Amino acid sequence: MSLSGSSPLTSAPLTPSKLISGYTYRRRFRPYFTKRQLNTLASLKGSGSFSSSRESATRNSSCKFIQQVCNKIGFPQNTTSTAQALYHRFYLYYSVRDYMPQDIGITCIYVACKIEETVKTLKDIFVAAHSVRHPANKELDPEQISEDRRRRIILYEKLLLETLCFDFQQRHPFEYVVKFVKYIQQQRELDGESLARKAYMLAVDSYRTQMCMEYPAHTIAAGCVHLASMMLKQEDKSFQELSNDQPWDQFFCSRMEDIEDVCRQILDLYIHNGSKHSEQYTQMKIKINEQAQLRGPDTNMDDITRRELSTEQKTWMFERAPTPLDIVNTAQHTVIYEFPSTSI
C-alpha cells in the first residue's frame, strides 16, 4: 500500500484492540494524484462534521496564514510555496478534525525553510506567527514560548516527514512562467512583462488550492499563463490575447484539458472568495468551457484514464470498521519506505 502516514499525536479514532496488527506497509512518495484518488482519500479520512466546502475554506485560510507568516519573516516565495505544498500533502492523509491547522502550518513553514535552505529558528517562526494572529498585541517574547508547544511542533515535524516518505523534492511553476512567456514573445509581439507578472501572481495564488498535488509545475505554469492572457485582455482590450489557433498544449508539454482545469480551479478560488470581479471570472469560465466543447474530448484518452480524471465523487462505507487509511495512520504495523532507484 502506498498511502503514507504514522501514529497520530492526538487520540486515535480507533482503539488498538480494533486495529489490524502484524502488517508491513511499503510506502513510497507519490508526487501527483488523479481527481479520483483525491476524492478517495478525502472520503477515507472521514473528517466527520467537516464538509468538503468547510475543509476547502480552512485550507484557503491556512495557506493565507502561511503566506503572511512567511512574508513577515522575509522568506522568498519558493519557501512559502513549499510550506503550502507540504500543508496540502499532510491533509491528504489526516483530518483537520484531529490536527490543528495553525500548528500544522507552523510545522510546514519550519520544514520548508530547511528544504529551501532559508533556515530560521522555530522561535523566529513562533514570533512571526503570533504577530500575524494578534497584530494588535505586543511582540511575543521568544523566552516565553512554552517547551510543550515547541515539543509538539517537533513531533508534528516527524509526522510530516513520514507523510512525505522523506522525499523533499519540490518544483514550483514560477521558473516555467518566465520560460513560457519568453518563448511566446519569440512567436509574437506582446507585453511579456505584464503577462509574466500576472501569471506569476496567479501561480502564487494557486497554492491556496490542492492543485500542486494534482498537476506538475509546468502544467500549472501553462494554465497561469493562459489565464493571465485572458485577464489582461479583460483589463485592456488592446492586449493581444493568446490565440486558439496555436498548439499551446504542445508548446507547454501539457494536455489542453489540464491547462483549462488549472484555469477553472484558480477562477473558482477567486469566485468563492467573493472577488469584486466574480462576474467577469464566471464569464471566463463559460468561455473556457465553450472552447473545450468546440474542441471535443481527447481522442487519445482511454475510458479508464477518463474516469480517473473525472470529478465524480465516491463515498466509501465501512460501517465502523477501520478504513485502510485508519490502519496506515496507526503504529500497529511495520513501515518500509521505498525510494526511487538511481543509476550509477
C-alpha atoms as a PDB file:
ATOM      1  CA  MET A   1       0.000   0.000   0.000  1.00  0.00           C
ATOM      2  CA  SER A   2       1.352   3.405  -0.970  1.00  0.00           C
ATOM      3  CA  LEU A   3      -0.659   5.516   1.470  1.00  0.00           C
ATOM      4  CA  SER A   4       1.602   7.316   3.900  1.00  0.00           C
ATOM      5  CA  GLY A   5       1.236   8.358   7.498  1.00  0.00           C
ATOM      6  CA  SER A   6       2.173   7.470  11.045  1.00  0.00           C
ATOM      7  CA  SER A   7       0.822   7.474  14.563  1.00  0.00           C
ATOM      8  CA  PRO A   8      -1.424  10.471  15.254  1.00  0.00           C
ATOM      9  CA  LEU A   9      -0.300  12.633  18.105  1.00  0.00           C
ATOM     10  CA  THR A  10      -3.865  13.126  19.216  1.00  0.00           C
ATOM     11  CA  SER A  11      -6.325  10.425  20.226  1.00  0.00           C
ATOM     12  CA  ALA A  12      -6.591   7.812  17.505  1.00  0.00           C
ATOM     13  CA  PRO A  13     -10.089   7.449  16.024  1.00  0.00           C
ATOM     14  CA  LEU A  14      -9.935   3.707  16.692  1.00  0.00           C
ATOM     15  CA  THR A  15      -8.826   1.821  19.790  1.00  0.00           C
ATOM     16  CA  PRO A  16      -5.809  -0.500  19.446  1.00  0.00           C
ATOM     17  CA  SER A  17      -7.982  -3.554  20.151  1.00  0.00           C
ATOM     18  CA  LYS A  18      -9.952  -2.883  16.977  1.00  0.00           C
ATOM     19  CA  LEU A  19      -6.923  -2.433  14.752  1.00  0.00           C
ATOM     20  CA  ILE A  20      -5.354  -4.991  12.484  1.00  0.00           C
ATOM     21  CA  SER A  21      -1.762  -5.616  13.532  1.00  0.00           C
ATOM     22  CA  GLY A  22       1.112  -7.586  12.104  1.00  0.00           C
ATOM     23  CA  TYR A  23       1.067  -5.985   8.662  1.00  0.00           C
ATOM     24  CA  THR A  24       4.024  -4.493   6.835  1.00  0.00           C
ATOM     25  CA  TYR A  25       3.273  -1.459   4.669  1.00  0.00           C
ATOM     26  CA  ARG A  26       5.525  -0.333   1.878  1.00  0.00           C
ATOM     27  CA  ARG A  27       5.315   3.400   1.402  1.00  0.00           C
ATOM     28  CA  ARG A  28       6.640   5.405  -1.470  1.00  0.00           C
ATOM     29  CA  PHE A  29       6.277   9.033  -2.404  1.00  0.00           C
ATOM     30  CA  ARG A  30       3.546   9.737  -4.953  1.00  0.00           C
ATOM     31  CA  PRO A  31       4.141  13.175  -6.493  1.00  0.00           C
ATOM     32  CA  TYR A  32       0.687  13.668  -8.057  1.00  0.00           C
ATOM     33  CA  PHE A  33      -2.822  12.300  -7.676  1.00  0.00           C
ATOM     34  CA  THR A  34      -5.763  11.979 -10.046  1.00  0.00           C
ATOM     35  CA  LYS A  35      -9.094  13.555  -9.133  1.00  0.00           C
ATOM     36  CA  ARG A  36     -10.488  10.148  -8.298  1.00  0.00           C
ATOM     37  CA  GLN A  37      -7.567   9.417  -5.959  1.00  0.00           C
ATOM     38  CA  LEU A  38      -8.017  12.776  -4.237  1.00  0.00           C
ATOM     39  CA  ASN A  39     -11.729  12.096  -3.769  1.00  0.00           C
ATOM     40  CA  THR A  40     -10.988   8.624  -2.421  1.00  0.00           C
ATOM     41  CA  LEU A  41      -8.501   9.962   0.133  1.00  0.00           C
ATOM     42  CA  ALA A  42     -10.969  12.670   1.180  1.00  0.00           C
ATOM     43  CA  SER A  43     -13.624  10.014   1.724  1.00  0.00           C
ATOM     44  CA  LEU A  44     -11.325   7.656   3.643  1.00  0.00           C
ATOM     45  CA  LYS A  45     -10.220  10.425   6.007  1.00  0.00           C
ATOM     46  CA  GLY A  46     -13.704  10.621   7.472  1.00  0.00           C
ATOM     47  CA  SER A  47     -13.496  14.254   8.547  1.00  0.00           C
ATOM     48  CA  GLY A  48     -16.739  13.918  10.444  1.00  0.00           C
ATOM     49  CA  SER A  49     -18.536  17.248  10.756  1.00  0.00           C
ATOM     50  CA  PHE A  50     -16.095  18.920   8.338  1.00  0.00           C
ATOM     51  CA  SER A  51     -17.776  19.173   4.955  1.00  0.00           C
ATOM     52  CA  SER A  52     -15.715  19.468   1.793  1.00  0.00           C
ATOM     53  CA  SER A  53     -16.630  23.154   1.500  1.00  0.00           C
ATOM     54  CA  ARG A  54     -15.615  23.817   5.115  1.00  0.00           C
ATOM     55  CA  GLU A  55     -12.348  21.957   4.618  1.00  0.00           C
ATOM     56  CA  SER A  56     -11.663  23.993   1.449  1.00  0.00           C
ATOM     57  CA  ALA A  57     -12.312  27.205   3.379  1.00  0.00           C
ATOM     58  CA  THR A  58      -9.948  26.041   6.148  1.00  0.00           C
ATOM     59  CA  ARG A  59      -7.317  25.152   3.551  1.00  0.00           C
ATOM     60  CA  ASN A  60      -7.660  28.583   1.948  1.00  0.00           C
ATOM     61  CA  SER A  61      -7.344  30.486   5.231  1.00  0.00           C
ATOM     62  CA  SER A  62      -4.453  28.308   6.431  1.00  0.00           C
ATOM     63  CA  CYS A  63      -2.484  28.895   3.227  1.00  0.00           C
ATOM     64  CA  LYS A  64      -3.142  32.619   3.609  1.00  0.00           C
ATOM     65  CA  PHE A  65      -1.807  32.369   7.165  1.00  0.00           C
ATOM     66  CA  ILE A  66       1.335  30.588   5.903  1.00  0.00           C
ATOM     67  CA  GLN A  67       1.842  33.292   3.261  1.00  0.00           C
ATOM     68  CA  GLN A  68       1.519  36.071   5.859  1.00  0.00           C
ATOM     69  CA  VAL A  69       3.914  34.426   8.319  1.00  0.00           C
ATOM     70  CA  CYS A  70       6.498  33.781   5.603  1.00  0.00           C
ATOM     71  CA  ASN A  71       6.188  37.378   4.374  1.00  0.00           C
ATOM     72  CA  LYS A  72       6.664  38.591   7.944  1.00  0.00           C
ATOM     73  CA  ILE A  73       9.881  36.599   8.255  1.00  0.00           C
ATOM     74  CA  GLY A  74      11.064  37.619   4.792  1.00  0.00           C
ATOM     75  CA  PHE A  75      11.152  34.193   3.147  1.00  0.00           C
ATOM     76  CA  PRO A  76      11.342  34.002  -0.658  1.00  0.00           C
ATOM     77  CA  GLN A  77       8.234  32.785  -2.468  1.00  0.00           C
ATOM     78  CA  ASN A  78       9.738  29.333  -3.081  1.00  0.00           C
ATOM     79  CA  THR A  79       9.906  28.719   0.672  1.00  0.00           C
ATOM     80  CA  THR A  80       6.337  29.914   1.135  1.00  0.00           C
ATOM     81  CA  SER A  81       5.009  27.763  -1.690  1.00  0.00           C
ATOM     82  CA  THR A  82       6.917  24.735  -0.417  1.00  0.00           C
ATOM     83  CA  ALA A  83       5.309  25.213   3.007  1.00  0.00           C
ATOM     84  CA  GLN A  84       1.852  25.431   1.427  1.00  0.00           C
ATOM     85  CA  ALA A  85       2.502  22.320  -0.669  1.00  0.00           C
ATOM     86  CA  LEU A  86       3.554  20.443   2.479  1.00  0.00           C
ATOM     87  CA  TYR A  87       0.335  21.569   4.162  1.00  0.00           C
ATOM     88  CA  HIS A  88      -1.776  20.162   1.318  1.00  0.00           C
ATOM     89  CA  ARG A  89       0.111  16.864   1.337  1.00  0.00           C
ATOM     90  CA  PHE A  90      -0.260  16.424   5.097  1.00  0.00           C
ATOM     91  CA  TYR A  91      -4.037  16.867   4.948  1.00  0.00           C
ATOM     92  CA  LEU A  92      -4.370  14.374   2.131  1.00  0.00           C
ATOM     93  CA  TYR A  93      -3.925  11.746   4.840  1.00  0.00           C
ATOM     94  CA  TYR A  94      -5.013  13.467   8.042  1.00  0.00           C
ATOM     95  CA  SER A  95      -8.103  15.385   9.028  1.00  0.00           C
ATOM     96  CA  VAL A  96      -8.358  18.951  10.281  1.00  0.00           C
ATOM     97  CA  ARG A  97     -10.558  17.441  12.964  1.00  0.00           C
ATOM     98  CA  ASP A  98      -7.532  15.714  14.507  1.00  0.00           C
ATOM     99  CA  TYR A  99      -4.751  18.244  13.868  1.00  0.00           C
ATOM    100  CA  MET A 100      -4.972  21.991  14.388  1.00  0.00           C
ATOM    101  CA  PRO A 101      -4.325  23.712  11.014  1.00  0.00           C
ATOM    102  CA  GLN A 102      -2.272  26.556  12.519  1.00  0.00           C
ATOM    103  CA  ASP A 103       0.049  24.119  14.310  1.00  0.00           C
ATOM    104  CA  ILE A 104       0.494  22.154  11.101  1.00  0.00           C
ATOM    105  CA  GLY A 105       1.016  25.419   9.194  1.00  0.00           C
ATOM    106  CA  ILE A 106       3.858  26.386  11.548  1.00  0.00           C
ATOM    107  CA  THR A 107       5.325  22.892  11.184  1.00  0.00           C
ATOM    108  CA  CYS A 108       5.202  23.147   7.391  1.00  0.00           C
ATOM    109  CA  ILE A 109       6.975  26.518   7.475  1.00  0.00           C
ATOM    110  CA  TYR A 110       9.644  25.057   9.751  1.00  0.00           C
ATOM    111  CA  VAL A 111      10.245  22.096   7.424  1.00  0.00           C
ATOM    112  CA  ALA A 112      10.042  24.207   4.255  1.00  0.00           C
ATOM    113  CA  CYS A 113      12.718  26.656   5.399  1.00  0.00           C
ATOM    114  CA  LYS A 114      15.072  23.696   5.845  1.00  0.00           C
ATOM    115  CA  ILE A 115      14.204  22.198   2.453  1.00  0.00           C
ATOM    116  CA  GLU A 116      14.759  25.525   0.682  1.00  0.00           C
ATOM    117  CA  GLU A 117      17.847  26.331   2.773  1.00  0.00           C
ATOM    118  CA  THR A 118      16.381  29.558   4.181  1.00  0.00           C
ATOM    119  CA  VAL A 119      16.702  28.336   7.734  1.00  0.00           C
ATOM    120  CA  LYS A 120      15.134  30.172  10.656  1.00  0.00           C
ATOM    121  CA  THR A 121      14.750  29.002  14.233  1.00  0.00           C
ATOM    122  CA  LEU A 122      11.435  27.694  15.447  1.00  0.00           C
ATOM    123  CA  LYS A 123      11.316  30.620  17.876  1.00  0.00           C
ATOM    124  CA  ASP A 124      11.518  33.072  14.939  1.00  0.00           C
ATOM    125  CA  ILE A 125       8.554  31.341  13.303  1.00  0.00           C
ATOM    126  CA  PHE A 126       6.546  31.367  16.546  1.00  0.00           C
ATOM    127  CA  VAL A 127       7.156  35.115  16.938  1.00  0.00           C
ATOM    128  CA  ALA A 128       6.074  35.842  13.342  1.00  0.00           C
ATOM    129  CA  ALA A 129       3.003  33.616  13.671  1.00  0.00           C
ATOM    130  CA  HIS A 130       1.979  35.389  16.883  1.00  0.00           C
ATOM    131  CA  SER A 131       2.357  38.757  15.144  1.00  0.00           C
ATOM    132  CA  VAL A 132       0.096  37.616  12.282  1.00  0.00           C
ATOM    133  CA  ARG A 133      -2.537  36.121  14.578  1.00  0.00           C
ATOM    134  CA  HIS A 134      -2.500  39.019  17.076  1.00  0.00           C
ATOM    135  CA  PRO A 135      -1.383  42.134  15.176  1.00  0.00           C
ATOM    136  CA  ALA A 136      -2.677  44.475  17.889  1.00  0.00           C
ATOM    137  CA  ASN A 137      -0.685  42.797  20.665  1.00  0.00           C
ATOM    138  CA  LYS A 138       2.939  43.371  21.513  1.00  0.00           C
ATOM    139  CA  GLU A 139       5.568  41.110  20.017  1.00  0.00           C
ATOM    140  CA  LEU A 140       5.889  37.663  21.567  1.00  0.00           C
ATOM    141  CA  ASP A 141       8.927  37.208  23.794  1.00  0.00           C
ATOM    142  CA  PRO A 142      10.784  34.127  22.461  1.00  0.00           C
ATOM    143  CA  GLU A 143      11.729  33.179  26.000  1.00  0.00           C
ATOM    144  CA  GLN A 144       8.051  32.908  26.903  1.00  0.00           C
ATOM    145  CA  ILE A 145       7.371  30.138  24.369  1.00  0.00           C
ATOM    146  CA  SER A 146       6.496  27.030  26.343  1.00  0.00           C
ATOM    147  CA  GLU A 147       8.563  23.888  25.981  1.00  0.00           C
ATOM    148  CA  ASP A 148       5.365  21.913  25.470  1.00  0.00           C
ATOM    149  CA  ARG A 149       4.456  23.980  22.421  1.00  0.00           C
ATOM    150  CA  ARG A 150       7.915  23.631  20.922  1.00  0.00           C
ATOM    151  CA  ARG A 151       7.947  19.888  21.575  1.00  0.00           C
ATOM    152  CA  ARG A 152       4.550  19.494  19.894  1.00  0.00           C
ATOM    153  CA  ILE A 153       5.801  21.108  16.676  1.00  0.00           C
ATOM    154  CA  ILE A 154       8.896  18.873  16.709  1.00  0.00           C
ATOM    155  CA  LEU A 155       6.653  15.816  16.982  1.00  0.00           C
ATOM    156  CA  TYR A 156       4.492  17.104  14.127  1.00  0.00           C
ATOM    157  CA  GLU A 157       7.674  17.603  12.104  1.00  0.00           C
ATOM    158  CA  LYS A 158       8.438  13.889  12.424  1.00  0.00           C
ATOM    159  CA  LEU A 159       4.900  13.045  11.345  1.00  0.00           C
ATOM    160  CA  LEU A 160       5.148  15.380   8.360  1.00  0.00           C
ATOM    161  CA  LEU A 161       8.466  13.867   7.260  1.00  0.00           C
ATOM    162  CA  GLU A 162       6.898  10.410   7.404  1.00  0.00           C
ATOM    163  CA  THR A 163       3.970  11.667   5.353  1.00  0.00           C
ATOM    164  CA  LEU A 164       6.463  12.901   2.750  1.00  0.00           C
ATOM    165  CA  CYS A 165       8.156   9.495   2.792  1.00  0.00           C
ATOM    166  CA  PHE A 166      11.303  11.566   3.311  1.00  0.00           C
ATOM    167  CA  ASP A 167      11.151  12.809  -0.282  1.00  0.00           C
ATOM    168  CA  PHE A 168      11.970  16.528  -0.276  1.00  0.00           C
ATOM    169  CA  GLN A 169      11.868  17.313  -3.989  1.00  0.00           C
ATOM    170  CA  GLN A 170       9.777  20.401  -4.694  1.00  0.00           C
ATOM    171  CA  ARG A 171       9.274  22.012  -8.102  1.00  0.00           C
ATOM    172  CA  HIS A 172       7.359  25.267  -8.456  1.00  0.00           C
ATOM    173  CA  PRO A 173       5.760  26.865 -11.526  1.00  0.00           C
ATOM    174  CA  PHE A 174       7.481  30.247 -11.232  1.00  0.00           C
ATOM    175  CA  GLU A 175      10.540  29.407 -13.318  1.00  0.00           C
ATOM    176  CA  TYR A 176       8.324  27.880 -16.019  1.00  0.00           C
ATOM    177  CA  VAL A 177       6.177  31.015 -16.149  1.00  0.00           C
ATOM    178  CA  VAL A 178       9.243  33.048 -17.124  1.00  0.00           C
ATOM    179  CA  LYS A 179      10.399  30.484 -19.687  1.00  0.00           C
ATOM    180  CA  PHE A 180       6.960  30.143 -21.284  1.00  0.00           C
ATOM    181  CA  VAL A 181       6.459  33.899 -21.595  1.00  0.00           C
ATOM    182  CA  LYS A 182       9.895  34.295 -23.170  1.00  0.00           C
ATOM    183  CA  TYR A 183       9.005  31.562 -25.658  1.00  0.00           C
ATOM    184  CA  ILE A 184       5.693  33.220 -26.525  1.00  0.00           C
ATOM    185  CA  GLN A 185       7.471  36.526 -27.072  1.00  0.00           C
ATOM    186  CA  GLN A 186       9.628  34.837 -29.681  1.00  0.00           C
ATOM    187  CA  GLN A 187       6.491  33.756 -31.540  1.00  0.00           C
ATOM    188  CA  ARG A 188       4.559  37.030 -31.452  1.00  0.00           C
ATOM    189  CA  GLU A 189       4.563  40.626 -30.265  1.00  0.00           C
ATOM    190  CA  LEU A 190       3.046  41.132 -26.799  1.00  0.00           C
ATOM    191  CA  ASP A 191       3.616  42.799 -23.447  1.00  0.00           C
ATOM    192  CA  GLY A 192       5.656  39.990 -21.942  1.00  0.00           C
ATOM    193  CA  GLU A 193       6.385  41.807 -18.697  1.00  0.00           C
ATOM    194  CA  SER A 194       2.689  42.296 -17.865  1.00  0.00           C
ATOM    195  CA  LEU A 195       1.880  38.714 -18.872  1.00  0.00           C
ATOM    196  CA  ALA A 196       4.689  37.279 -16.739  1.00  0.00           C
ATOM    197  CA  ARG A 197       3.752  39.436 -13.728  1.00  0.00           C
ATOM    198  CA  LYS A 198       0.077  38.453 -13.887  1.00  0.00           C
ATOM    199  CA  ALA A 199       0.844  34.755 -14.435  1.00  0.00           C
ATOM    200  CA  TYR A 200       3.326  34.800 -11.539  1.00  0.00           C
ATOM    201  CA  MET A 201       0.667  36.145  -9.152  1.00  0.00           C
ATOM    202  CA  LEU A 202      -1.800  33.509 -10.340  1.00  0.00           C
ATOM    203  CA  ALA A 203       0.829  30.844  -9.677  1.00  0.00           C
ATOM    204  CA  VAL A 204       1.320  32.210  -6.153  1.00  0.00           C
ATOM    205  CA  ASP A 205      -2.441  32.048  -5.515  1.00  0.00           C
ATOM    206  CA  SER A 206      -2.682  28.538  -6.971  1.00  0.00           C
ATOM    207  CA  TYR A 207      -1.088  27.213  -3.778  1.00  0.00           C
ATOM    208  CA  ARG A 208      -4.256  28.083  -1.900  1.00  0.00           C
ATOM    209  CA  THR A 209      -5.785  25.072  -3.672  1.00  0.00           C
ATOM    210  CA  GLN A 210      -4.728  21.409  -3.871  1.00  0.00           C
ATOM    211  CA  MET A 211      -3.638  21.937  -7.462  1.00  0.00           C
ATOM    212  CA  CYS A 212       0.043  21.265  -6.681  1.00  0.00           C
ATOM    213  CA  MET A 213      -0.983  17.740  -5.603  1.00  0.00           C
ATOM    214  CA  GLU A 214      -2.671  17.146  -8.953  1.00  0.00           C
ATOM    215  CA  TYR A 215      -0.512  18.722 -11.666  1.00  0.00           C
ATOM    216  CA  PRO A 216       3.230  19.142 -12.255  1.00  0.00           C
ATOM    217  CA  ALA A 217       4.729  22.623 -12.038  1.00  0.00           C
ATOM    218  CA  HIS A 218       4.968  23.203 -15.800  1.00  0.00           C
ATOM    219  CA  THR A 219       1.253  22.429 -16.314  1.00  0.00           C
ATOM    220  CA  ILE A 220       0.266  24.858 -13.545  1.00  0.00           C
ATOM    221  CA  ALA A 221       2.525  27.471 -15.141  1.00  0.00           C
ATOM    222  CA  ALA A 222       0.888  26.875 -18.526  1.00  0.00           C
ATOM    223  CA  GLY A 223      -2.568  27.337 -17.007  1.00  0.00           C
ATOM    224  CA  CYS A 224      -1.470  30.520 -15.243  1.00  0.00           C
ATOM    225  CA  VAL A 225      -0.056  31.992 -18.469  1.00  0.00           C
ATOM    226  CA  HIS A 226      -3.207  31.058 -20.366  1.00  0.00           C
ATOM    227  CA  LEU A 227      -5.497  32.585 -17.717  1.00  0.00           C
ATOM    228  CA  ALA A 228      -3.285  35.666 -17.307  1.00  0.00           C
ATOM    229  CA  SER A 229      -3.664  36.315 -21.031  1.00  0.00           C
ATOM    230  CA  MET A 230      -7.472  36.207 -20.709  1.00  0.00           C
ATOM    231  CA  MET A 231      -7.453  38.501 -17.661  1.00  0.00           C
ATOM    232  CA  LEU A 232      -5.187  41.069 -19.304  1.00  0.00           C
ATOM    233  CA  LYS A 233      -7.489  41.099 -22.319  1.00  0.00           C
ATOM    234  CA  GLN A 234     -10.400  41.910 -19.974  1.00  0.00           C
ATOM    235  CA  GLU A 235      -8.430  44.768 -18.418  1.00  0.00           C
ATOM    236  CA  ASP A 236      -7.053  46.158 -21.670  1.00  0.00           C
ATOM    237  CA  LYS A 237      -8.791  45.433 -24.982  1.00  0.00           C
ATOM    238  CA  SER A 238      -5.609  46.333 -26.872  1.00  0.00           C
ATOM    239  CA  PHE A 239      -3.706  43.436 -25.257  1.00  0.00           C
ATOM    240  CA  GLN A 240      -3.024  40.640 -27.735  1.00  0.00           C
ATOM    241  CA  GLU A 241      -4.580  37.552 -26.119  1.00  0.00           C
ATOM    242  CA  LEU A 242      -3.130  34.107 -26.873  1.00  0.00           C
ATOM    243  CA  SER A 243      -4.926  32.859 -29.983  1.00  0.00           C
ATOM    244  CA  ASN A 244      -6.657  29.459 -30.092  1.00  0.00           C
ATOM    245  CA  ASP A 245      -5.107  28.531 -33.430  1.00  0.00           C
ATOM    246  CA  GLN A 246      -1.736  27.734 -31.834  1.00  0.00           C
ATOM    247  CA  PRO A 247      -0.896  24.273 -30.399  1.00  0.00           C
ATOM    248  CA  TRP A 248      -0.259  25.605 -26.898  1.00  0.00           C
ATOM    249  CA  ASP A 249      -0.557  22.124 -25.450  1.00  0.00           C
ATOM    250  CA  GLN A 250       2.466  21.067 -27.491  1.00  0.00           C
ATOM    251  CA  PHE A 251       4.399  24.224 -26.644  1.00  0.00           C
ATOM    252  CA  PHE A 252       3.713  23.764 -22.921  1.00  0.00           C
ATOM    253  CA  CYS A 253       4.048  19.932 -22.931  1.00  0.00           C
ATOM    254  CA  SER A 254       0.634  19.603 -21.247  1.00  0.00           C
ATOM    255  CA  ARG A 255      -2.833  18.439 -22.223  1.00  0.00           C
ATOM    256  CA  MET A 256      -5.118  21.324 -23.103  1.00  0.00           C
ATOM    257  CA  GLU A 257      -7.775  19.838 -20.798  1.00  0.00           C
ATOM    258  CA  ASP A 258      -5.346  20.055 -17.875  1.00  0.00           C
ATOM    259  CA  ILE A 259      -4.360  23.627 -18.732  1.00  0.00           C
ATOM    260  CA  GLU A 260      -8.044  24.597 -18.765  1.00  0.00           C
ATOM    261  CA  ASP A 261      -8.687  22.785 -15.478  1.00  0.00           C
ATOM    262  CA  VAL A 262      -5.905  24.811 -13.842  1.00  0.00           C
ATOM    263  CA  CYS A 263      -7.636  27.963 -15.090  1.00  0.00           C
ATOM    264  CA  ARG A 264     -11.012  26.832 -13.725  1.00  0.00           C
ATOM    265  CA  GLN A 265      -9.641  25.974 -10.280  1.00  0.00           C
ATOM    266  CA  ILE A 266      -7.996  29.396  -9.918  1.00  0.00           C
ATOM    267  CA  LEU A 267     -11.156  31.132 -11.121  1.00  0.00           C
ATOM    268  CA  ASP A 268     -13.240  29.095  -8.644  1.00  0.00           C
ATOM    269  CA  LEU A 269     -10.864  30.179  -5.858  1.00  0.00           C
ATOM    270  CA  TYR A 270     -11.449  33.854  -6.684  1.00  0.00           C
ATOM    271  CA  ILE A 271     -15.203  33.438  -7.147  1.00  0.00           C
ATOM    272  CA  HIS A 272     -15.663  31.583  -3.843  1.00  0.00           C
ATOM    273  CA  ASN A 273     -13.584  34.218  -2.054  1.00  0.00           C
ATOM    274  CA  GLY A 274     -16.074  36.867  -3.147  1.00  0.00           C
ATOM    275  CA  SER A 275     -13.868  38.791  -5.547  1.00  0.00           C
ATOM    276  CA  LYS A 276     -15.331  42.024  -6.884  1.00  0.00           C
ATOM    277  CA  HIS A 277     -14.608  40.622 -10.356  1.00  0.00           C
ATOM    278  CA  SER A 278     -16.599  37.415  -9.750  1.00  0.00           C
ATOM    279  CA  GLU A 279     -18.962  38.090 -12.641  1.00  0.00           C
ATOM    280  CA  GLN A 280     -16.048  38.531 -15.061  1.00  0.00           C
ATOM    281  CA  TYR A 281     -14.405  35.373 -13.745  1.00  0.00           C
ATOM    282  CA  THR A 282     -17.637  33.449 -14.243  1.00  0.00           C
ATOM    283  CA  GLN A 283     -17.760  34.630 -17.861  1.00  0.00           C
ATOM    284  CA  MET A 284     -14.160  33.453 -18.309  1.00  0.00           C
ATOM    285  CA  LYS A 285     -15.136  30.005 -17.028  1.00  0.00           C
ATOM    286  CA  ILE A 286     -18.009  29.908 -19.504  1.00  0.00           C
ATOM    287  CA  LYS A 287     -15.640  30.861 -22.316  1.00  0.00           C
ATOM    288  CA  ILE A 288     -13.159  28.155 -21.326  1.00  0.00           C
ATOM    289  CA  ASN A 289     -15.951  25.560 -21.192  1.00  0.00           C
ATOM    290  CA  GLU A 290     -17.233  26.606 -24.609  1.00  0.00           C
ATOM    291  CA  GLN A 291     -13.754  26.268 -26.095  1.00  0.00           C
ATOM    292  CA  ALA A 292     -13.481  22.792 -24.587  1.00  0.00           C
ATOM    293  CA  GLN A 293     -16.838  21.791 -26.076  1.00  0.00           C
ATOM    294  CA  LEU A 294     -15.844  23.012 -29.512  1.00  0.00           C
ATOM    295  CA  ARG A 295     -12.598  21.059 -29.318  1.00  0.00           C
ATOM    296  CA  GLY A 296     -14.320  17.896 -28.151  1.00  0.00           C
ATOM    297  CA  PRO A 297     -12.993  15.083 -25.922  1.00  0.00           C
ATOM    298  CA  ASP A 298      -9.417  13.922 -26.046  1.00  0.00           C
ATOM    299  CA  THR A 299      -9.424  11.133 -28.641  1.00  0.00           C
ATOM    300  CA  ASN A 300      -6.185   9.677 -27.257  1.00  0.00           C
ATOM    301  CA  MET A 301      -7.599   9.080 -23.772  1.00  0.00           C
ATOM    302  CA  ASP A 302      -8.921   5.652 -22.787  1.00  0.00           C
ATOM    303  CA  ASP A 303     -12.025   5.181 -20.629  1.00  0.00           C
ATOM    304  CA  ILE A 304     -10.090   4.154 -17.512  1.00  0.00           C
ATOM    305  CA  THR A 305      -7.967   7.311 -17.589  1.00  0.00           C
ATOM    306  CA  ARG A 306     -11.057   9.423 -18.276  1.00  0.00           C
ATOM    307  CA  ARG A 307     -12.733   8.041 -15.135  1.00  0.00           C
ATOM    308  CA  GLU A 308      -9.585   8.668 -13.080  1.00  0.00           C
ATOM    309  CA  LEU A 309      -9.568  12.309 -14.165  1.00  0.00           C
ATOM    310  CA  SER A 310     -13.291  12.864 -13.651  1.00  0.00           C
ATOM    311  CA  THR A 311     -14.656  14.770 -10.657  1.00  0.00           C
ATOM    312  CA  GLU A 312     -17.102  12.005  -9.780  1.00  0.00           C
ATOM    313  CA  GLN A 313     -17.482  11.719  -6.006  1.00  0.00           C
ATOM    314  CA  LYS A 314     -17.100   8.315  -4.369  1.00  0.00           C
ATOM    315  CA  THR A 315     -18.186   7.744  -0.773  1.00  0.00           C
ATOM    316  CA  TRP A 316     -16.779   4.655   0.907  1.00  0.00           C
ATOM    317  CA  MET A 317     -18.879   2.982   3.603  1.00  0.00           C
ATOM    318  CA  PHE A 318     -17.042   0.870   6.198  1.00  0.00           C
ATOM    319  CA  GLU A 319     -19.754   0.621   8.899  1.00  0.00           C
ATOM    320  CA  ARG A 320     -17.464   1.457  11.835  1.00  0.00           C
ATOM    321  CA  ALA A 321     -14.710  -0.862  10.595  1.00  0.00           C
ATOM    322  CA  PRO A 322     -11.252   0.643  10.271  1.00  0.00           C
ATOM    323  CA  THR A 323     -10.626   2.127   6.844  1.00  0.00           C
ATOM    324  CA  PRO A 324      -7.311   1.439   5.079  1.00  0.00           C
ATOM    325  CA  LEU A 325      -6.249   4.981   5.968  1.00  0.00           C
ATOM    326  CA  ASP A 326      -7.134   4.444   9.636  1.00  0.00           C
ATOM    327  CA  ILE A 327      -4.855   1.416   9.734  1.00  0.00           C
ATOM    328  CA  VAL A 328      -1.998   3.187   7.987  1.00  0.00           C
ATOM    329  CA  ASN A 329      -2.279   6.121  10.407  1.00  0.00           C
ATOM    330  CA  THR A 330      -1.569   3.973  13.449  1.00  0.00           C
ATOM    331  CA  ALA A 331       1.530   2.325  14.888  1.00  0.00           C
ATOM    332  CA  GLN A 332       0.103  -1.191  14.634  1.00  0.00           C
ATOM    333  CA  HIS A 333       2.333  -2.259  11.759  1.00  0.00           C
ATOM    334  CA  THR A 334       5.851  -2.140  10.368  1.00  0.00           C
ATOM    335  CA  VAL A 335       6.694   0.503   7.759  1.00  0.00           C
ATOM    336  CA  ILE A 336       9.174   0.099   4.931  1.00  0.00           C
ATOM    337  CA  TYR A 337       9.912   3.216   2.870  1.00  0.00           C
ATOM    338  CA  GLU A 338      10.715   2.708  -0.791  1.00  0.00           C
ATOM    339  CA  PHE A 339      12.923   5.222  -2.565  1.00  0.00           C
ATOM    340  CA  PRO A 340      13.431   5.598  -6.329  1.00  0.00           C
ATOM    341  CA  SER A 341      16.425   3.649  -7.521  1.00  0.00           C
ATOM    342  CA  THR A 342      19.215   5.722  -9.056  1.00  0.00           C
ATOM    343  CA  SER A 343      21.524   4.538 -11.776  1.00  0.00           C
ATOM    344  CA  ILE A 344      25.248   4.760 -11.126  1.00  0.00           C
END
